[in-house]
């Protein structure tokens, strides 16, 4: 993770965005006297939003966490996927 000033971000906009995209890394932009912001790859943002949505429903969150627990305990089942045309 890289931290840059607002001025540095403004002067190196393309390089910072390329580093985030190609390196799949985050860049924190420090804004003096204001809240910092983070630049992340879009895929990571989408993943975070989906996770947040899935966990926002209490019943769904409980089911997902129980499923994860079962997998970690070796109680999962492997099934073959059937391709539909």
Protein backbone atom coordinates (compact mmCIF):
# COMPACT_ATOMS: atom_id res chain seq x y z
CA UNK A 1 0.00 0.00 0.00
CA UNK A 2 1.31 3.37 -1.00
CA UNK A 3 0.53 6.74 0.59
CA UNK A 4 0.87 9.90 -1.49
CA UNK A 5 0.00 13.53 -0.95
CA UNK A 6 -2.76 15.22 -2.91
CA UNK A 7 -0.14 17.19 -4.83
CA UNK A 8 1.80 14.03 -5.70
CA UNK A 9 -1.42 12.33 -6.79
CA UNK A 10 -2.34 15.26 -9.01
CA UNK A 11 1.13 15.31 -10.58
CA UNK A 12 1.26 11.54 -11.13
CA UNK A 13 -2.38 10.72 -11.80
CA UNK A 14 -1.79 8.24 -14.65
CA UNK A 15 1.13 6.46 -12.93
CA UNK A 16 -0.88 6.04 -9.72
CA UNK A 17 -3.91 4.68 -11.56
CA UNK A 18 -1.71 2.32 -13.58
CA UNK A 19 -0.03 1.08 -10.39
CA UNK A 20 -3.43 0.45 -8.79
CA UNK A 21 -4.75 -1.34 -11.86
CA UNK A 22 -1.69 -3.40 -12.80
CA UNK A 23 -0.45 -4.02 -9.27
CA UNK A 24 -3.90 -4.69 -7.81
CA UNK A 25 -2.83 -2.48 -4.90
CA UNK A 26 -4.36 0.38 -2.97
CA UNK A 27 -3.10 3.95 -2.88
CA UNK A 28 -4.04 6.25 -0.03
CA UNK A 29 -4.22 9.90 -0.99
CA UNK A 30 -3.42 12.02 2.05
CA UNK A 31 -5.38 15.28 2.08
CA UNK A 32 -3.95 17.69 4.62
CA UNK A 33 -6.67 18.81 7.01
CA UNK A 34 -9.29 16.58 5.36
CA UNK A 35 -10.27 12.93 5.22
CA UNK A 36 -7.91 10.69 3.26
CA UNK A 37 -9.24 8.77 0.27
CA UNK A 38 -8.26 5.38 -1.12
CA UNK A 39 -7.95 4.42 -4.77
CA UNK A 40 -8.59 0.70 -5.35
CA UNK A 41 -9.11 -1.49 -8.43
CA UNK A 42 -12.72 -1.61 -9.62
CA UNK A 43 -12.87 -5.41 -9.26
CA UNK A 44 -11.89 -5.11 -5.60
CA UNK A 45 -14.51 -2.40 -5.06
CA UNK A 46 -17.18 -4.57 -6.72
CA UNK A 47 -16.19 -7.52 -4.54
CA UNK A 48 -16.42 -5.41 -1.39
CA UNK A 49 -19.86 -4.09 -2.37
CA UNK A 50 -21.13 -7.61 -3.11
CA UNK A 51 -19.82 -8.92 0.22
CA UNK A 52 -21.41 -6.01 2.04
CA UNK A 53 -24.73 -6.68 0.30
CA UNK A 54 -24.63 -10.41 1.04
CA UNK A 55 -23.86 -9.82 4.71
CA UNK A 56 -26.41 -7.01 5.12
CA UNK A 57 -29.25 -9.50 5.57
CA UNK A 58 -28.93 -11.17 8.97
CA UNK A 59 -30.34 -14.53 7.84
CA UNK A 60 -28.14 -14.62 4.75
CA UNK A 61 -25.06 -13.67 6.77
CA UNK A 62 -25.79 -16.44 9.29
CA UNK A 63 -26.20 -19.00 6.49
CA UNK A 64 -22.99 -17.92 4.73
CA UNK A 65 -20.93 -17.95 7.93
CA UNK A 66 -22.26 -21.40 8.84
CA UNK A 67 -21.37 -22.66 5.36
CA UNK A 68 -17.83 -21.30 5.70
CA UNK A 69 -17.52 -22.98 9.09
CA UNK A 70 -18.63 -26.31 7.63
CA UNK A 71 -16.12 -26.05 4.78
CA UNK A 72 -13.29 -25.31 7.21
CA UNK A 73 -14.30 -28.35 9.25
CA UNK A 74 -14.07 -30.52 6.12
CA UNK A 75 -17.83 -31.02 5.88
CA UNK A 76 -18.15 -29.63 2.37
CA UNK A 77 -19.23 -31.62 -0.66
CA UNK A 78 -17.62 -31.35 -4.06
CA UNK A 79 -20.07 -31.53 -6.93
CA UNK A 80 -19.53 -31.56 -10.65
CA UNK A 81 -21.02 -28.60 -12.48
CA UNK A 82 -23.27 -29.33 -15.40
CA UNK A 83 -22.82 -27.03 -18.36
CA UNK A 84 -26.06 -25.81 -19.91
CA UNK A 85 -26.22 -24.78 -23.55
